[in-house]
Amino acid sequence: MKFKLGDRVFIEGHWNFPNGCTGTISKPPKSSVEHMPDQKLRNGIKRTVKRKKGSIVFYWVKFDTPQTDTDGDGPYLEGEIEAEYIKPVDG
């Protein structure tokens, strides 16, 4: 599924952020973009990382409530999430 800036989404619990949560598709802060020099952001919100076996699409999401990652780090106000774990929020 493709998302656009401002879309409301649900993030399924997964390996990086284990608790399901809601948020909004947004642009990453400049400080985060600086750590992605080899990747081009599409529409300022999405990037694709190529691997030997296909690609992974990521979107930047601002969480509605701060999230802790699997290692217990955080809380994070926003983060980069694999598209496969993002679902649209109805309504």
N, C-alpha and C. Protein backbone atom coordinates (compact mmCIF):
# COMPACT_ATOMS: atom_id res chain seq x y z
N MET A 1 0.84 -1.18 0.00
CA MET A 1 0.00 0.00 0.00
C MET A 1 0.88 1.24 0.00
N LYS A 2 0.43 2.26 -0.68
CA LYS A 2 1.15 3.53 -0.72
C LYS A 2 0.47 4.52 0.21
N PHE A 3 1.29 5.27 0.92
CA PHE A 3 0.77 6.27 1.84
C PHE A 3 1.25 7.65 1.40
N LYS A 4 0.54 8.67 1.86
CA LYS A 4 0.96 10.04 1.56
C LYS A 4 1.08 10.83 2.86
N LEU A 5 1.75 11.95 2.77
CA LEU A 5 1.97 12.82 3.92
C LEU A 5 0.64 13.12 4.61
N GLY A 6 0.59 12.92 5.92
CA GLY A 6 -0.61 13.21 6.69
C GLY A 6 -1.56 12.05 6.88
N ASP A 7 -1.32 10.93 6.20
CA ASP A 7 -2.19 9.76 6.37
C ASP A 7 -2.11 9.24 7.80
N ARG A 8 -3.26 8.89 8.36
CA ARG A 8 -3.33 8.28 9.67
C ARG A 8 -3.14 6.78 9.51
N VAL A 9 -2.28 6.19 10.35
CA VAL A 9 -1.95 4.78 10.19
C VAL A 9 -1.91 4.03 11.52
N PHE A 10 -2.05 2.71 11.41
CA PHE A 10 -1.84 1.81 12.54
C PHE A 10 -0.57 1.03 12.24
N ILE A 11 0.31 0.92 13.23
CA ILE A 11 1.55 0.16 13.08
C ILE A 11 1.40 -1.13 13.88
N GLU A 12 1.47 -2.24 13.18
CA GLU A 12 1.39 -3.54 13.84
C GLU A 12 2.66 -3.75 14.66
N GLY A 13 2.54 -4.44 15.80
CA GLY A 13 3.72 -4.78 16.57
C GLY A 13 4.63 -5.66 15.74
N HIS A 14 5.92 -5.41 15.79
CA HIS A 14 6.89 -6.17 15.00
C HIS A 14 8.25 -6.18 15.68
N TRP A 15 9.27 -6.66 15.01
CA TRP A 15 10.59 -6.88 15.61
C TRP A 15 11.21 -5.62 16.20
N ASN A 16 10.94 -4.45 15.66
CA ASN A 16 11.59 -3.23 16.14
C ASN A 16 10.73 -2.49 17.18
N PHE A 17 9.46 -2.35 16.88
CA PHE A 17 8.52 -1.73 17.82
C PHE A 17 7.45 -2.77 18.13
N PRO A 18 7.56 -3.47 19.26
CA PRO A 18 6.72 -4.62 19.53
C PRO A 18 5.25 -4.32 19.86
N ASN A 19 4.95 -3.09 20.23
CA ASN A 19 3.58 -2.76 20.61
C ASN A 19 2.87 -2.06 19.46
N GLY A 20 1.69 -2.50 19.13
CA GLY A 20 0.92 -1.83 18.11
C GLY A 20 0.58 -0.41 18.55
N CYS A 21 0.54 0.52 17.59
CA CYS A 21 0.24 1.91 17.92
C CYS A 21 -0.29 2.62 16.68
N THR A 22 -0.75 3.83 16.87
CA THR A 22 -1.21 4.66 15.76
C THR A 22 -0.27 5.86 15.59
N GLY A 23 -0.36 6.47 14.41
CA GLY A 23 0.47 7.63 14.14
C GLY A 23 0.09 8.26 12.82
N THR A 24 0.96 9.15 12.35
CA THR A 24 0.72 9.91 11.13
C THR A 24 1.97 9.86 10.25
N ILE A 25 1.77 9.59 8.96
CA ILE A 25 2.88 9.60 8.01
C ILE A 25 3.40 11.04 7.94
N SER A 26 4.70 11.21 8.10
CA SER A 26 5.29 12.55 8.12
C SER A 26 6.68 12.54 7.49
N LYS A 27 7.27 13.71 7.43
CA LYS A 27 8.63 13.84 6.92
C LYS A 27 9.60 13.67 8.09
N PRO A 28 10.71 12.97 7.86
CA PRO A 28 11.69 12.82 8.94
C PRO A 28 12.41 14.12 9.21
N PRO A 29 12.91 14.30 10.42
CA PRO A 29 13.70 15.49 10.73
C PRO A 29 15.00 15.46 9.94
N LYS A 30 15.56 16.64 9.68
CA LYS A 30 16.80 16.74 8.90
C LYS A 30 17.92 15.90 9.52
N SER A 31 17.97 15.83 10.84
CA SER A 31 19.02 15.05 11.50
C SER A 31 18.94 13.57 11.14
N SER A 32 17.74 13.07 10.91
CA SER A 32 17.60 11.67 10.51
C SER A 32 17.93 11.48 9.04
N VAL A 33 17.55 12.43 8.21
CA VAL A 33 17.84 12.35 6.78
C VAL A 33 19.35 12.33 6.55
N GLU A 34 20.11 13.04 7.38
CA GLU A 34 21.56 13.08 7.24
C GLU A 34 22.18 11.70 7.43
N HIS A 35 21.49 10.80 8.12
CA HIS A 35 21.99 9.44 8.33
C HIS A 35 21.55 8.49 7.23
N MET A 36 20.90 9.03 6.20
CA MET A 36 20.44 8.22 5.06
C MET A 36 21.09 8.72 3.76
N PRO A 37 22.39 9.02 3.74
CA PRO A 37 22.97 9.66 2.56
C PRO A 37 22.91 8.81 1.29
N ASP A 38 22.89 7.50 1.43
CA ASP A 38 22.87 6.64 0.25
C ASP A 38 21.45 6.30 -0.20
N GLN A 39 20.47 6.82 0.47
CA GLN A 39 19.08 6.52 0.14
C GLN A 39 18.35 7.80 -0.23
N LYS A 40 17.57 7.75 -1.27
CA LYS A 40 16.79 8.91 -1.69
C LYS A 40 15.37 8.79 -1.13
N LEU A 41 14.92 9.84 -0.46
CA LEU A 41 13.55 9.87 0.05
C LEU A 41 12.61 10.23 -1.09
N ARG A 42 11.57 9.45 -1.27
CA ARG A 42 10.56 9.76 -2.27
C ARG A 42 9.45 10.56 -1.62
N ASN A 43 9.10 11.66 -2.21
CA ASN A 43 8.06 12.55 -1.67
C ASN A 43 8.40 13.01 -0.26
N GLY A 44 9.65 12.86 0.14
CA GLY A 44 10.08 13.31 1.45
C GLY A 44 9.62 12.43 2.60
N ILE A 45 8.93 11.31 2.30
CA ILE A 45 8.37 10.49 3.37
C ILE A 45 8.70 9.01 3.27
N LYS A 46 9.23 8.57 2.14
CA LYS A 46 9.40 7.14 1.91
C LYS A 46 10.78 6.87 1.32
N ARG A 47 11.40 5.77 1.74
CA ARG A 47 12.64 5.36 1.09
C ARG A 47 12.62 3.86 0.86
N THR A 48 13.37 3.44 -0.14
CA THR A 48 13.46 2.03 -0.48
C THR A 48 14.90 1.59 -0.32
N VAL A 49 15.10 0.53 0.43
CA VAL A 49 16.42 -0.03 0.65
C VAL A 49 16.51 -1.31 -0.16
N LYS A 50 17.47 -1.34 -1.07
CA LYS A 50 17.63 -2.52 -1.92
C LYS A 50 18.47 -3.57 -1.20
N ARG A 51 18.03 -4.81 -1.35
CA ARG A 51 18.74 -5.95 -0.76
C ARG A 51 18.99 -6.97 -1.86
N LYS A 52 19.72 -8.00 -1.53
CA LYS A 52 19.96 -9.07 -2.52
C LYS A 52 18.65 -9.71 -2.96
N LYS A 53 17.74 -9.86 -2.02
CA LYS A 53 16.44 -10.48 -2.31
C LYS A 53 15.34 -9.44 -2.22
N GLY A 54 15.24 -8.56 -3.19
CA GLY A 54 14.18 -7.57 -3.21
C GLY A 54 14.52 -6.30 -2.46
N SER A 55 13.50 -5.54 -2.16
CA SER A 55 13.65 -4.25 -1.50
C SER A 55 12.73 -4.14 -0.29
N ILE A 56 13.09 -3.22 0.61
CA ILE A 56 12.23 -2.92 1.75
C ILE A 56 11.86 -1.44 1.65
N VAL A 57 10.57 -1.15 1.75
CA VAL A 57 10.07 0.22 1.72
C VAL A 57 9.81 0.67 3.16
N PHE A 58 10.28 1.87 3.49
CA PHE A 58 10.11 2.45 4.81
C PHE A 58 9.35 3.77 4.70
N TYR A 59 8.53 4.06 5.71
CA TYR A 59 7.87 5.36 5.85
C TYR A 59 8.25 5.93 7.21
N TRP A 60 8.25 7.26 7.29
CA TRP A 60 8.48 7.93 8.57
C TRP A 60 7.13 8.17 9.23
N VAL A 61 7.01 7.81 10.51
CA VAL A 61 5.75 7.93 11.23
C VAL A 61 5.97 8.68 12.54
N LYS A 62 5.12 9.68 12.79
CA LYS A 62 5.07 10.33 14.11
C LYS A 62 4.03 9.57 14.91
N PHE A 63 4.45 9.02 16.04
CA PHE A 63 3.57 8.22 16.88
C PHE A 63 2.62 9.11 17.67
N ASP A 64 1.41 8.62 17.89
CA ASP A 64 0.45 9.35 18.73
C ASP A 64 0.90 9.34 20.19
N THR A 65 1.48 8.25 20.62
CA THR A 65 2.04 8.15 21.96
C THR A 65 3.47 7.63 21.83
N PRO A 66 4.40 8.13 22.63
CA PRO A 66 5.80 7.70 22.54
C PRO A 66 5.92 6.17 22.64
N GLN A 67 6.85 5.62 21.85
CA GLN A 67 7.03 4.17 21.78
C GLN A 67 8.42 3.75 22.25
N THR A 68 8.47 2.59 22.87
CA THR A 68 9.73 1.97 23.28
C THR A 68 10.03 0.84 22.32
N ASP A 69 11.31 0.70 21.93
CA ASP A 69 11.64 -0.37 21.00
C ASP A 69 11.87 -1.69 21.73
N THR A 70 12.17 -2.73 20.98
CA THR A 70 12.34 -4.07 21.53
C THR A 70 13.45 -4.14 22.58
N ASP A 71 14.49 -3.31 22.42
CA ASP A 71 15.60 -3.29 23.37
C ASP A 71 15.28 -2.51 24.64
N GLY A 72 14.11 -1.87 24.66
CA GLY A 72 13.74 -1.06 25.81
C GLY A 72 14.20 0.38 25.69
N ASP A 73 14.77 0.74 24.54
CA ASP A 73 15.21 2.12 24.32
C ASP A 73 14.01 2.99 23.97
N GLY A 74 14.15 4.27 24.23
CA GLY A 74 13.08 5.21 23.95
C GLY A 74 12.74 5.94 25.22
N PRO A 75 11.62 6.54 25.28
CA PRO A 75 10.55 6.49 24.29
C PRO A 75 10.85 7.36 23.07
N TYR A 76 10.39 6.89 21.93
CA TYR A 76 10.56 7.60 20.66
C TYR A 76 9.25 8.28 20.28
N LEU A 77 9.36 9.51 19.79
CA LEU A 77 8.19 10.25 19.34
C LEU A 77 7.84 9.93 17.89
N GLU A 78 8.83 9.44 17.15
CA GLU A 78 8.65 9.13 15.74
C GLU A 78 9.73 8.13 15.32
N GLY A 79 9.53 7.53 14.14
CA GLY A 79 10.52 6.58 13.67
C GLY A 79 10.22 6.09 12.27
N GLU A 80 11.21 5.41 11.71
CA GLU A 80 11.09 4.83 10.37
C GLU A 80 10.54 3.42 10.51
N ILE A 81 9.46 3.14 9.78
CA ILE A 81 8.76 1.86 9.91
C ILE A 81 8.65 1.20 8.54
N GLU A 82 8.89 -0.12 8.51
CA GLU A 82 8.73 -0.87 7.27
C GLU A 82 7.26 -0.85 6.85
N ALA A 83 7.04 -0.63 5.56
CA ALA A 83 5.68 -0.51 5.03
C ALA A 83 4.83 -1.74 5.31
N GLU A 84 5.44 -2.92 5.38
CA GLU A 84 4.65 -4.13 5.59
C GLU A 84 3.94 -4.15 6.94
N TYR A 85 4.39 -3.31 7.89
CA TYR A 85 3.76 -3.27 9.21
C TYR A 85 2.80 -2.09 9.38
N ILE A 86 2.57 -1.33 8.31
CA ILE A 86 1.72 -0.14 8.38
C ILE A 86 0.39 -0.41 7.67
N LYS A 87 -0.69 -0.08 8.36
CA LYS A 87 -2.04 -0.24 7.81
C LYS A 87 -2.76 1.09 7.92
N PRO A 88 -3.66 1.38 6.99
CA PRO A 88 -4.43 2.62 7.09
C PRO A 88 -5.41 2.57 8.26
N VAL A 89 -5.66 3.73 8.86
CA VAL A 89 -6.69 3.84 9.88
C VAL A 89 -7.96 4.27 9.18
N ASP A 90 -9.00 3.48 9.35
CA ASP A 90 -10.27 3.80 8.70
C ASP A 90 -10.94 4.97 9.37
N GLY A 91 -11.59 5.78 8.52
CA GLY A 91 -12.41 6.86 9.04
C GLY A 91 -11.66 8.09 9.24
